[in-house]
C-alpha atoms as a PDB file:
ATOM      1  CA  MET A   1      -0.184   0.058  -0.020  1.00  0.00           C
ATOM      2  CA  GLN A   2       1.224   3.114  -0.910  1.00  0.00           C
ATOM      3  CA  LEU A   3       0.049   6.971   0.419  1.00  0.00           C
ATOM      4  CA  VAL A   4       1.173  10.468  -1.191  1.00  0.00           C
ATOM      5  CA  TRP A   5       0.099  13.602   0.025  1.00  0.00           C
ATOM      6  CA  THR A   6       1.365  16.347  -1.726  1.00  0.00           C
ATOM      7  CA  LEU A   7       0.880  20.341  -1.332  1.00  0.00           C
ATOM      8  CA  SER A   8      -0.540  21.869  -4.673  1.00  0.00           C
ATOM      9  CA  GLY A   9      -1.098  25.037  -3.841  1.00  0.00           C
ATOM     10  CA  ARG A  10      -2.424  26.760  -1.189  1.00  0.00           C
ATOM     11  CA  GLY A  11      -4.849  25.585   0.919  1.00  0.00           C
ATOM     12  CA  TRP A  12      -4.858  22.606  -1.143  1.00  0.00           C
ATOM     13  CA  ALA A  13      -3.365  18.454  -1.113  1.00  0.00           C
ATOM     14  CA  ASP A  14      -3.479  15.466  -3.499  1.00  0.00           C
ATOM     15  CA  CYS A  15      -3.225  12.254  -1.820  1.00  0.00           C
ATOM     16  CA  THR A  16      -3.060   9.457  -4.196  1.00  0.00           C
ATOM     17  CA  ILE A  17      -3.355   5.980  -2.358  1.00  0.00           C
ATOM     18  CA  ALA A  18      -2.897   3.235  -3.972  1.00  0.00           C
ATOM     19  CA  ASP A  19      -2.274  -1.137  -3.606  1.00  0.00           C
ATOM     20  CA  HIS A  20      -0.855  -3.232  -6.422  1.00  0.00           C
ATOM     21  CA  GLN A  21      -4.637  -3.462  -8.468  1.00  0.00           C
ATOM     22  CA  ALA A  22      -5.351  -0.047  -8.745  1.00  0.00           C
ATOM     23  CA  GLU A  23      -4.428   3.728  -7.854  1.00  0.00           C
ATOM     24  CA  ALA A  24      -6.883   6.886  -6.769  1.00  0.00           C
ATOM     25  CA  GLU A  25      -6.073  10.345  -6.498  1.00  0.00           C
ATOM     26  CA  VAL A  26      -8.573  12.926  -4.584  1.00  0.00           C
ATOM     27  CA  THR A  27      -8.063  16.028  -3.216  1.00  0.00           C
ATOM     28  CA  ALA A  28      -8.010  17.748  -0.339  1.00  0.00           C
ATOM     29  CA  SER A  29      -8.830  21.359   0.819  1.00  0.00           C
ATOM     30  CA  TYR A  30      -7.878  23.210   4.543  1.00  0.00           C
ATOM     31  CA  ILE A  31     -10.573  24.034   5.667  1.00  0.00           C
ATOM     32  CA  SER A  32     -11.238  20.581   6.976  1.00  0.00           C
ATOM     33  CA  THR A  33      -8.593  18.836   9.145  1.00  0.00           C
ATOM     34  CA  ALA A  34      -8.126  15.874   7.258  1.00  0.00           C
ATOM     35  CA  PRO A  35      -4.492  15.240   7.378  1.00  0.00           C
ATOM     36  CA  GLU A  36      -5.551  15.746  11.482  1.00  0.00           C
ATOM     37  CA  ASP A  37      -8.246  13.347  10.875  1.00  0.00           C
ATOM     38  CA  LEU A  38      -7.299  10.772   8.956  1.00  0.00           C
ATOM     39  CA  LEU A  39      -4.280  10.595  11.152  1.00  0.00           C
ATOM     40  CA  THR A  40      -6.738   9.913  14.316  1.00  0.00           C
ATOM     41  CA  ALA A  41      -8.772   7.596  12.840  1.00  0.00           C
ATOM     42  CA  VAL A  42      -5.455   4.891  11.673  1.00  0.00           C
ATOM     43  CA  ALA A  43      -5.021   5.036  15.503  1.00  0.00           C
ATOM     44  CA  ARG A  44      -8.698   4.938  16.541  1.00  0.00           C
ATOM     45  CA  LEU A  45      -8.151   1.427  14.325  1.00  0.00           C
ATOM     46  CA  VAL A  46      -4.789   0.880  15.806  1.00  0.00           C
ATOM     47  CA  THR A  47      -6.348   0.588  19.355  1.00  0.00           C
ATOM     48  CA  GLY A  48      -9.327  -1.512  18.352  1.00  0.00           C
ATOM     49  CA  GLU A  49     -12.182   0.362  17.034  1.00  0.00           C
ATOM     50  CA  ALA A  50     -14.465  -1.264  14.011  1.00  0.00           C
ATOM     51  CA  GLU A  51     -15.124   1.790  11.791  1.00  0.00           C
ATOM     52  CA  VAL A  52     -13.891   4.787  11.400  1.00  0.00           C
ATOM     53  CA  ARG A  53     -15.078   7.420   8.686  1.00  0.00           C
ATOM     54  CA  VAL A  54     -12.516  10.895   7.055  1.00  0.00           C
ATOM     55  CA  GLN A  55     -13.984  13.212   4.817  1.00  0.00           C
ATOM     56  CA  PHE A  56     -11.689  15.039   2.703  1.00  0.00           C
ATOM     57  CA  GLU A  57     -13.870  18.760   1.273  1.00  0.00           C
ATOM     58  CA  ALA A  58     -12.631  19.122  -1.724  1.00  0.00           C
ATOM     59  CA  GLU A  59     -14.902  21.991  -2.778  1.00  0.00           C
ATOM     60  CA  PRO A  60     -17.881  21.067  -3.542  1.00  0.00           C
ATOM     61  CA  THR A  61     -16.939  17.510  -4.261  1.00  0.00           C
ATOM     62  CA  VAL A  62     -15.985  15.294  -1.016  1.00  0.00           C
ATOM     63  CA  PHE A  63     -14.118  12.154  -0.571  1.00  0.00           C
ATOM     64  CA  ARG A  64     -14.994   9.702   1.865  1.00  0.00           C
ATOM     65  CA  TRP A  65     -12.795   7.118   3.465  1.00  0.00           C
ATOM     66  CA  ILE A  66     -14.310   4.446   4.878  1.00  0.00           C
ATOM     67  CA  LEU A  67     -11.854   2.135   7.281  1.00  0.00           C
ATOM     68  CA  TYR A  68     -13.586  -1.325   8.709  1.00  0.00           C
ATOM     69  CA  ARG A  69     -11.253  -3.034  11.065  1.00  0.00           C
ATOM     70  CA  GLU A  70     -12.323  -7.107  11.902  1.00  0.00           C
ATOM     71  CA  GLY A  71      -9.202  -8.208  13.958  1.00  0.00           C
ATOM     72  CA  THR A  72      -5.875  -7.844  11.966  1.00  0.00           C
ATOM     73  CA  ASP A  73      -7.195  -6.678   8.387  1.00  0.00           C
ATOM     74  CA  VAL A  74      -8.675  -3.573   7.194  1.00  0.00           C
ATOM     75  CA  TRP A  75     -11.074  -2.301   4.715  1.00  0.00           C
ATOM     76  CA  ILE A  76     -10.425   0.641   3.293  1.00  0.00           C
ATOM     77  CA  ARG A  77     -13.055   2.251   0.185  1.00  0.00           C
ATOM     78  CA  VAL A  78     -12.447   5.594  -0.602  1.00  0.00           C
ATOM     79  CA  LEU A  79     -15.943   6.968  -1.721  1.00  0.00           C
ATOM     80  CA  GLU A  80     -16.668  10.464  -4.309  1.00  0.00           C
ATOM     81  CA  LEU A  81     -20.035  12.477  -3.066  1.00  0.00           C
ATOM     82  CA  ALA A  82     -20.905  15.363  -4.982  1.00  0.00           C
ATOM     83  CA  ASP A  83     -22.012  17.344  -1.528  1.00  0.00           C
ATOM     84  CA  GLY A  84     -20.409  16.087   2.553  1.00  0.00           C
ATOM     85  CA  SER A  85     -24.633  15.330   3.238  1.00  0.00           C
ATOM     86  CA  ASN A  86     -24.821  13.211   0.888  1.00  0.00           C
ATOM     87  CA  HIS A  87     -25.002   8.999   2.457  1.00  0.00           C
ATOM     88  CA  ASP A  88     -22.436   6.325   0.924  1.00  0.00           C
ATOM     89  CA  ASN A  89     -24.788   5.414  -1.430  1.00  0.00           C
ATOM     90  CA  ALA A  90     -25.436   8.544  -3.054  1.00  0.00           C
ATOM     91  CA  GLY A  91     -20.987   8.286  -4.088  1.00  0.00           C
ATOM     92  CA  THR A  92     -19.014   6.572  -5.944  1.00  0.00           C
ATOM     93  CA  GLU A  93     -15.901   4.101  -4.849  1.00  0.00           C
ATOM     94  CA  ILE A  94     -13.252   5.392  -6.289  1.00  0.00           C
ATOM     95  CA  TRP A  95     -10.645   3.194  -4.765  1.00  0.00           C
ATOM     96  CA  SER A  96     -10.759  -0.107  -1.314  1.00  0.00           C
ATOM     97  CA  SER A  97      -8.141  -2.336  -0.373  1.00  0.00           C
ATOM     98  CA  GLN A  98      -7.715  -4.705   2.199  1.00  0.00           C
ATOM     99  CA  GLN A  99      -4.696  -5.006   4.302  1.00  0.00           C
ATOM    100  CA  SER A 100      -3.892  -5.534   7.552  1.00  0.00           C
ATOM    101  CA  ILE A 101      -3.392  -2.973  10.538  1.00  0.00           C
ATOM    102  CA  GLY A 102       0.076  -2.758  10.344  1.00  0.00           C
ATOM    103  CA  THR A 103       0.218  -1.612   6.720  1.00  0.00           C
ATOM    104  CA  VAL A 104      -2.479   0.559   7.388  1.00  0.00           C
ATOM    105  CA  ALA A 105      -0.370   2.564  10.386  1.00  0.00           C
ATOM    106  CA  ARG A 106       3.071   2.006   8.699  1.00  0.00           C
ATOM    107  CA  THR A 107       2.166   3.170   5.553  1.00  0.00           C
ATOM    108  CA  VAL A 108       0.220   6.423   7.190  1.00  0.00           C
ATOM    109  CA  VAL A 109       3.180   7.463   9.821  1.00  0.00           C
ATOM    110  CA  ARG A 110       5.750   7.514   6.501  1.00  0.00           C
ATOM    111  CA  CYS A 111       3.758   9.439   3.775  1.00  0.00           C
ATOM    112  CA  PHE A 112       3.520  12.192   7.265  1.00  0.00           C
ATOM    113  CA  ASP A 113       6.827  11.441   7.536  1.00  0.00           C
ATOM    114  CA  GLU A 114       7.994  12.434   4.145  1.00  0.00           C
ATOM    115  CA  VAL A 115       5.759  15.512   4.547  1.00  0.00           C
ATOM    116  CA  ALA A 116       7.714  16.458   7.069  1.00  0.00           C
ATOM    117  CA  ARG A 117      10.281  15.661   5.350  1.00  0.00           C
ATOM    118  CA  LYS A 118       9.849  17.428   2.406  1.00  0.00           C
ATOM    119  CA  TYR A 119       8.385  20.822   3.200  1.00  0.00           C
ATOM    120  CA  GLY A 120       9.814  21.160   6.461  1.00  0.00           C
ATOM    121  CA  GLU A 121       6.988  22.088   9.464  1.00  0.00           C
ATOM    122  CA  SER A 122       7.258  25.368   8.780  1.00  0.00           C
ATOM    123  CA  GLY A 123       6.810  24.826   4.313  1.00  0.00           C
ATOM    124  CA  TYR A 124       4.357  22.706   5.451  1.00  0.00           C
ATOM    125  CA  ARG A 125       2.394  25.316   7.208  1.00  0.00           C
ATOM    126  CA  GLY A 126       3.098  28.356   4.837  1.00  0.00           C
ATOM    127  CA  LYS A 127       1.433  25.829   2.201  1.00  0.00           C
ATOM    128  CA  TRP A 128      -1.502  24.317   3.879  1.00  0.00           C
ATOM    129  CA  GLY A 129      -2.156  27.225   5.895  1.00  0.00           C
ATOM    130  CA  GLU A 130      -2.548  25.207   8.936  1.00  0.00           C
ATOM    131  CA  HIS A 131       0.211  23.963  11.296  1.00  0.00           C
ATOM    132  CA  PHE A 132       2.324  20.356  10.106  1.00  0.00           C
ATOM    133  CA  PRO A 133       0.076  17.907  12.058  1.00  0.00           C
ATOM    134  CA  ARG A 134       2.809  16.509  14.688  1.00  0.00           C
ATOM    135  CA  PHE A 135       0.584  15.517  17.803  1.00  0.00           C
ATOM    136  CA  GLU A 136      -1.517  13.467  15.868  1.00  0.00           C
ATOM    137  CA  LEU A 137       1.590  11.582  13.957  1.00  0.00           C
ATOM    138  CA  GLU A 138       3.329  11.013  17.007  1.00  0.00           C
ATOM    139  CA  ALA A 139       0.072   9.618  18.710  1.00  0.00           C
ATOM    140  CA  LEU A 140      -0.607   7.502  15.656  1.00  0.00           C
ATOM    141  CA  ARG A 141       3.629   6.221  15.361  1.00  0.00           C
ATOM    142  CA  GLU A 142       2.807   5.432  19.490  1.00  0.00           C
ATOM    143  CA  VAL A 143      -0.584   3.475  19.174  1.00  0.00           C
ATOM    144  CA  TRP A 144       1.277   1.667  16.205  1.00  0.00           C
ATOM    145  CA  HIS A 145       4.160   0.512  17.926  1.00  0.00           C
ATOM    146  CA  LYS A 146       3.090  -0.140  21.131  1.00  0.00           C
ATOM    147  CA  SER A 147       0.867  -3.144  18.993  1.00  0.00           C
ATOM    148  CA  ARG A 148       3.292  -4.370  16.863  1.00  0.00           C
ATOM    149  CA  PRO A 149       4.404  -7.088  18.760  1.00  0.00           C
ATOM    150  CA  LEU A 150       0.495  -8.460  18.667  1.00  0.00           C
ATOM    151  CA  GLU A 151       0.515  -8.479  15.192  1.00  0.00           C
ATOM    152  CA  LYS A 152       2.360  -9.428  11.368  1.00  0.00           C
ATOM    153  CA  THR A 153       2.424  -6.175   9.825  1.00  0.00           C
END
């Protein structure tokens, strides 16, 4: 699994998610807390939550991530919706995958480690318009490292 977060303009990010079968690109605007929400959602999965959702606002389109955990497996669905208040059924699935929880956590941590390396935290703030999600990244890293002896990645 691969996740790439690219700051594409002031307050905009392109996020590419891929596995060995398919790839999708979604857009996020700074009007939502997309990076913080994604990091927090994955941390919640790692700690045992069964379902989490994250919504990336792309003004007016939204991209809704739905992640289900069962045991050490995670099913990820990414939907594109014309309006964020619409039901999941109104969306079009643009990407889905089944991964281990360890793979998902590692992929998201590495993605945001690369964002910090590429832009620096001040450069990130300058391009995104908000602080780098350091707290959420470190919280995910901590719960992932604590869970690693319990599962295979």
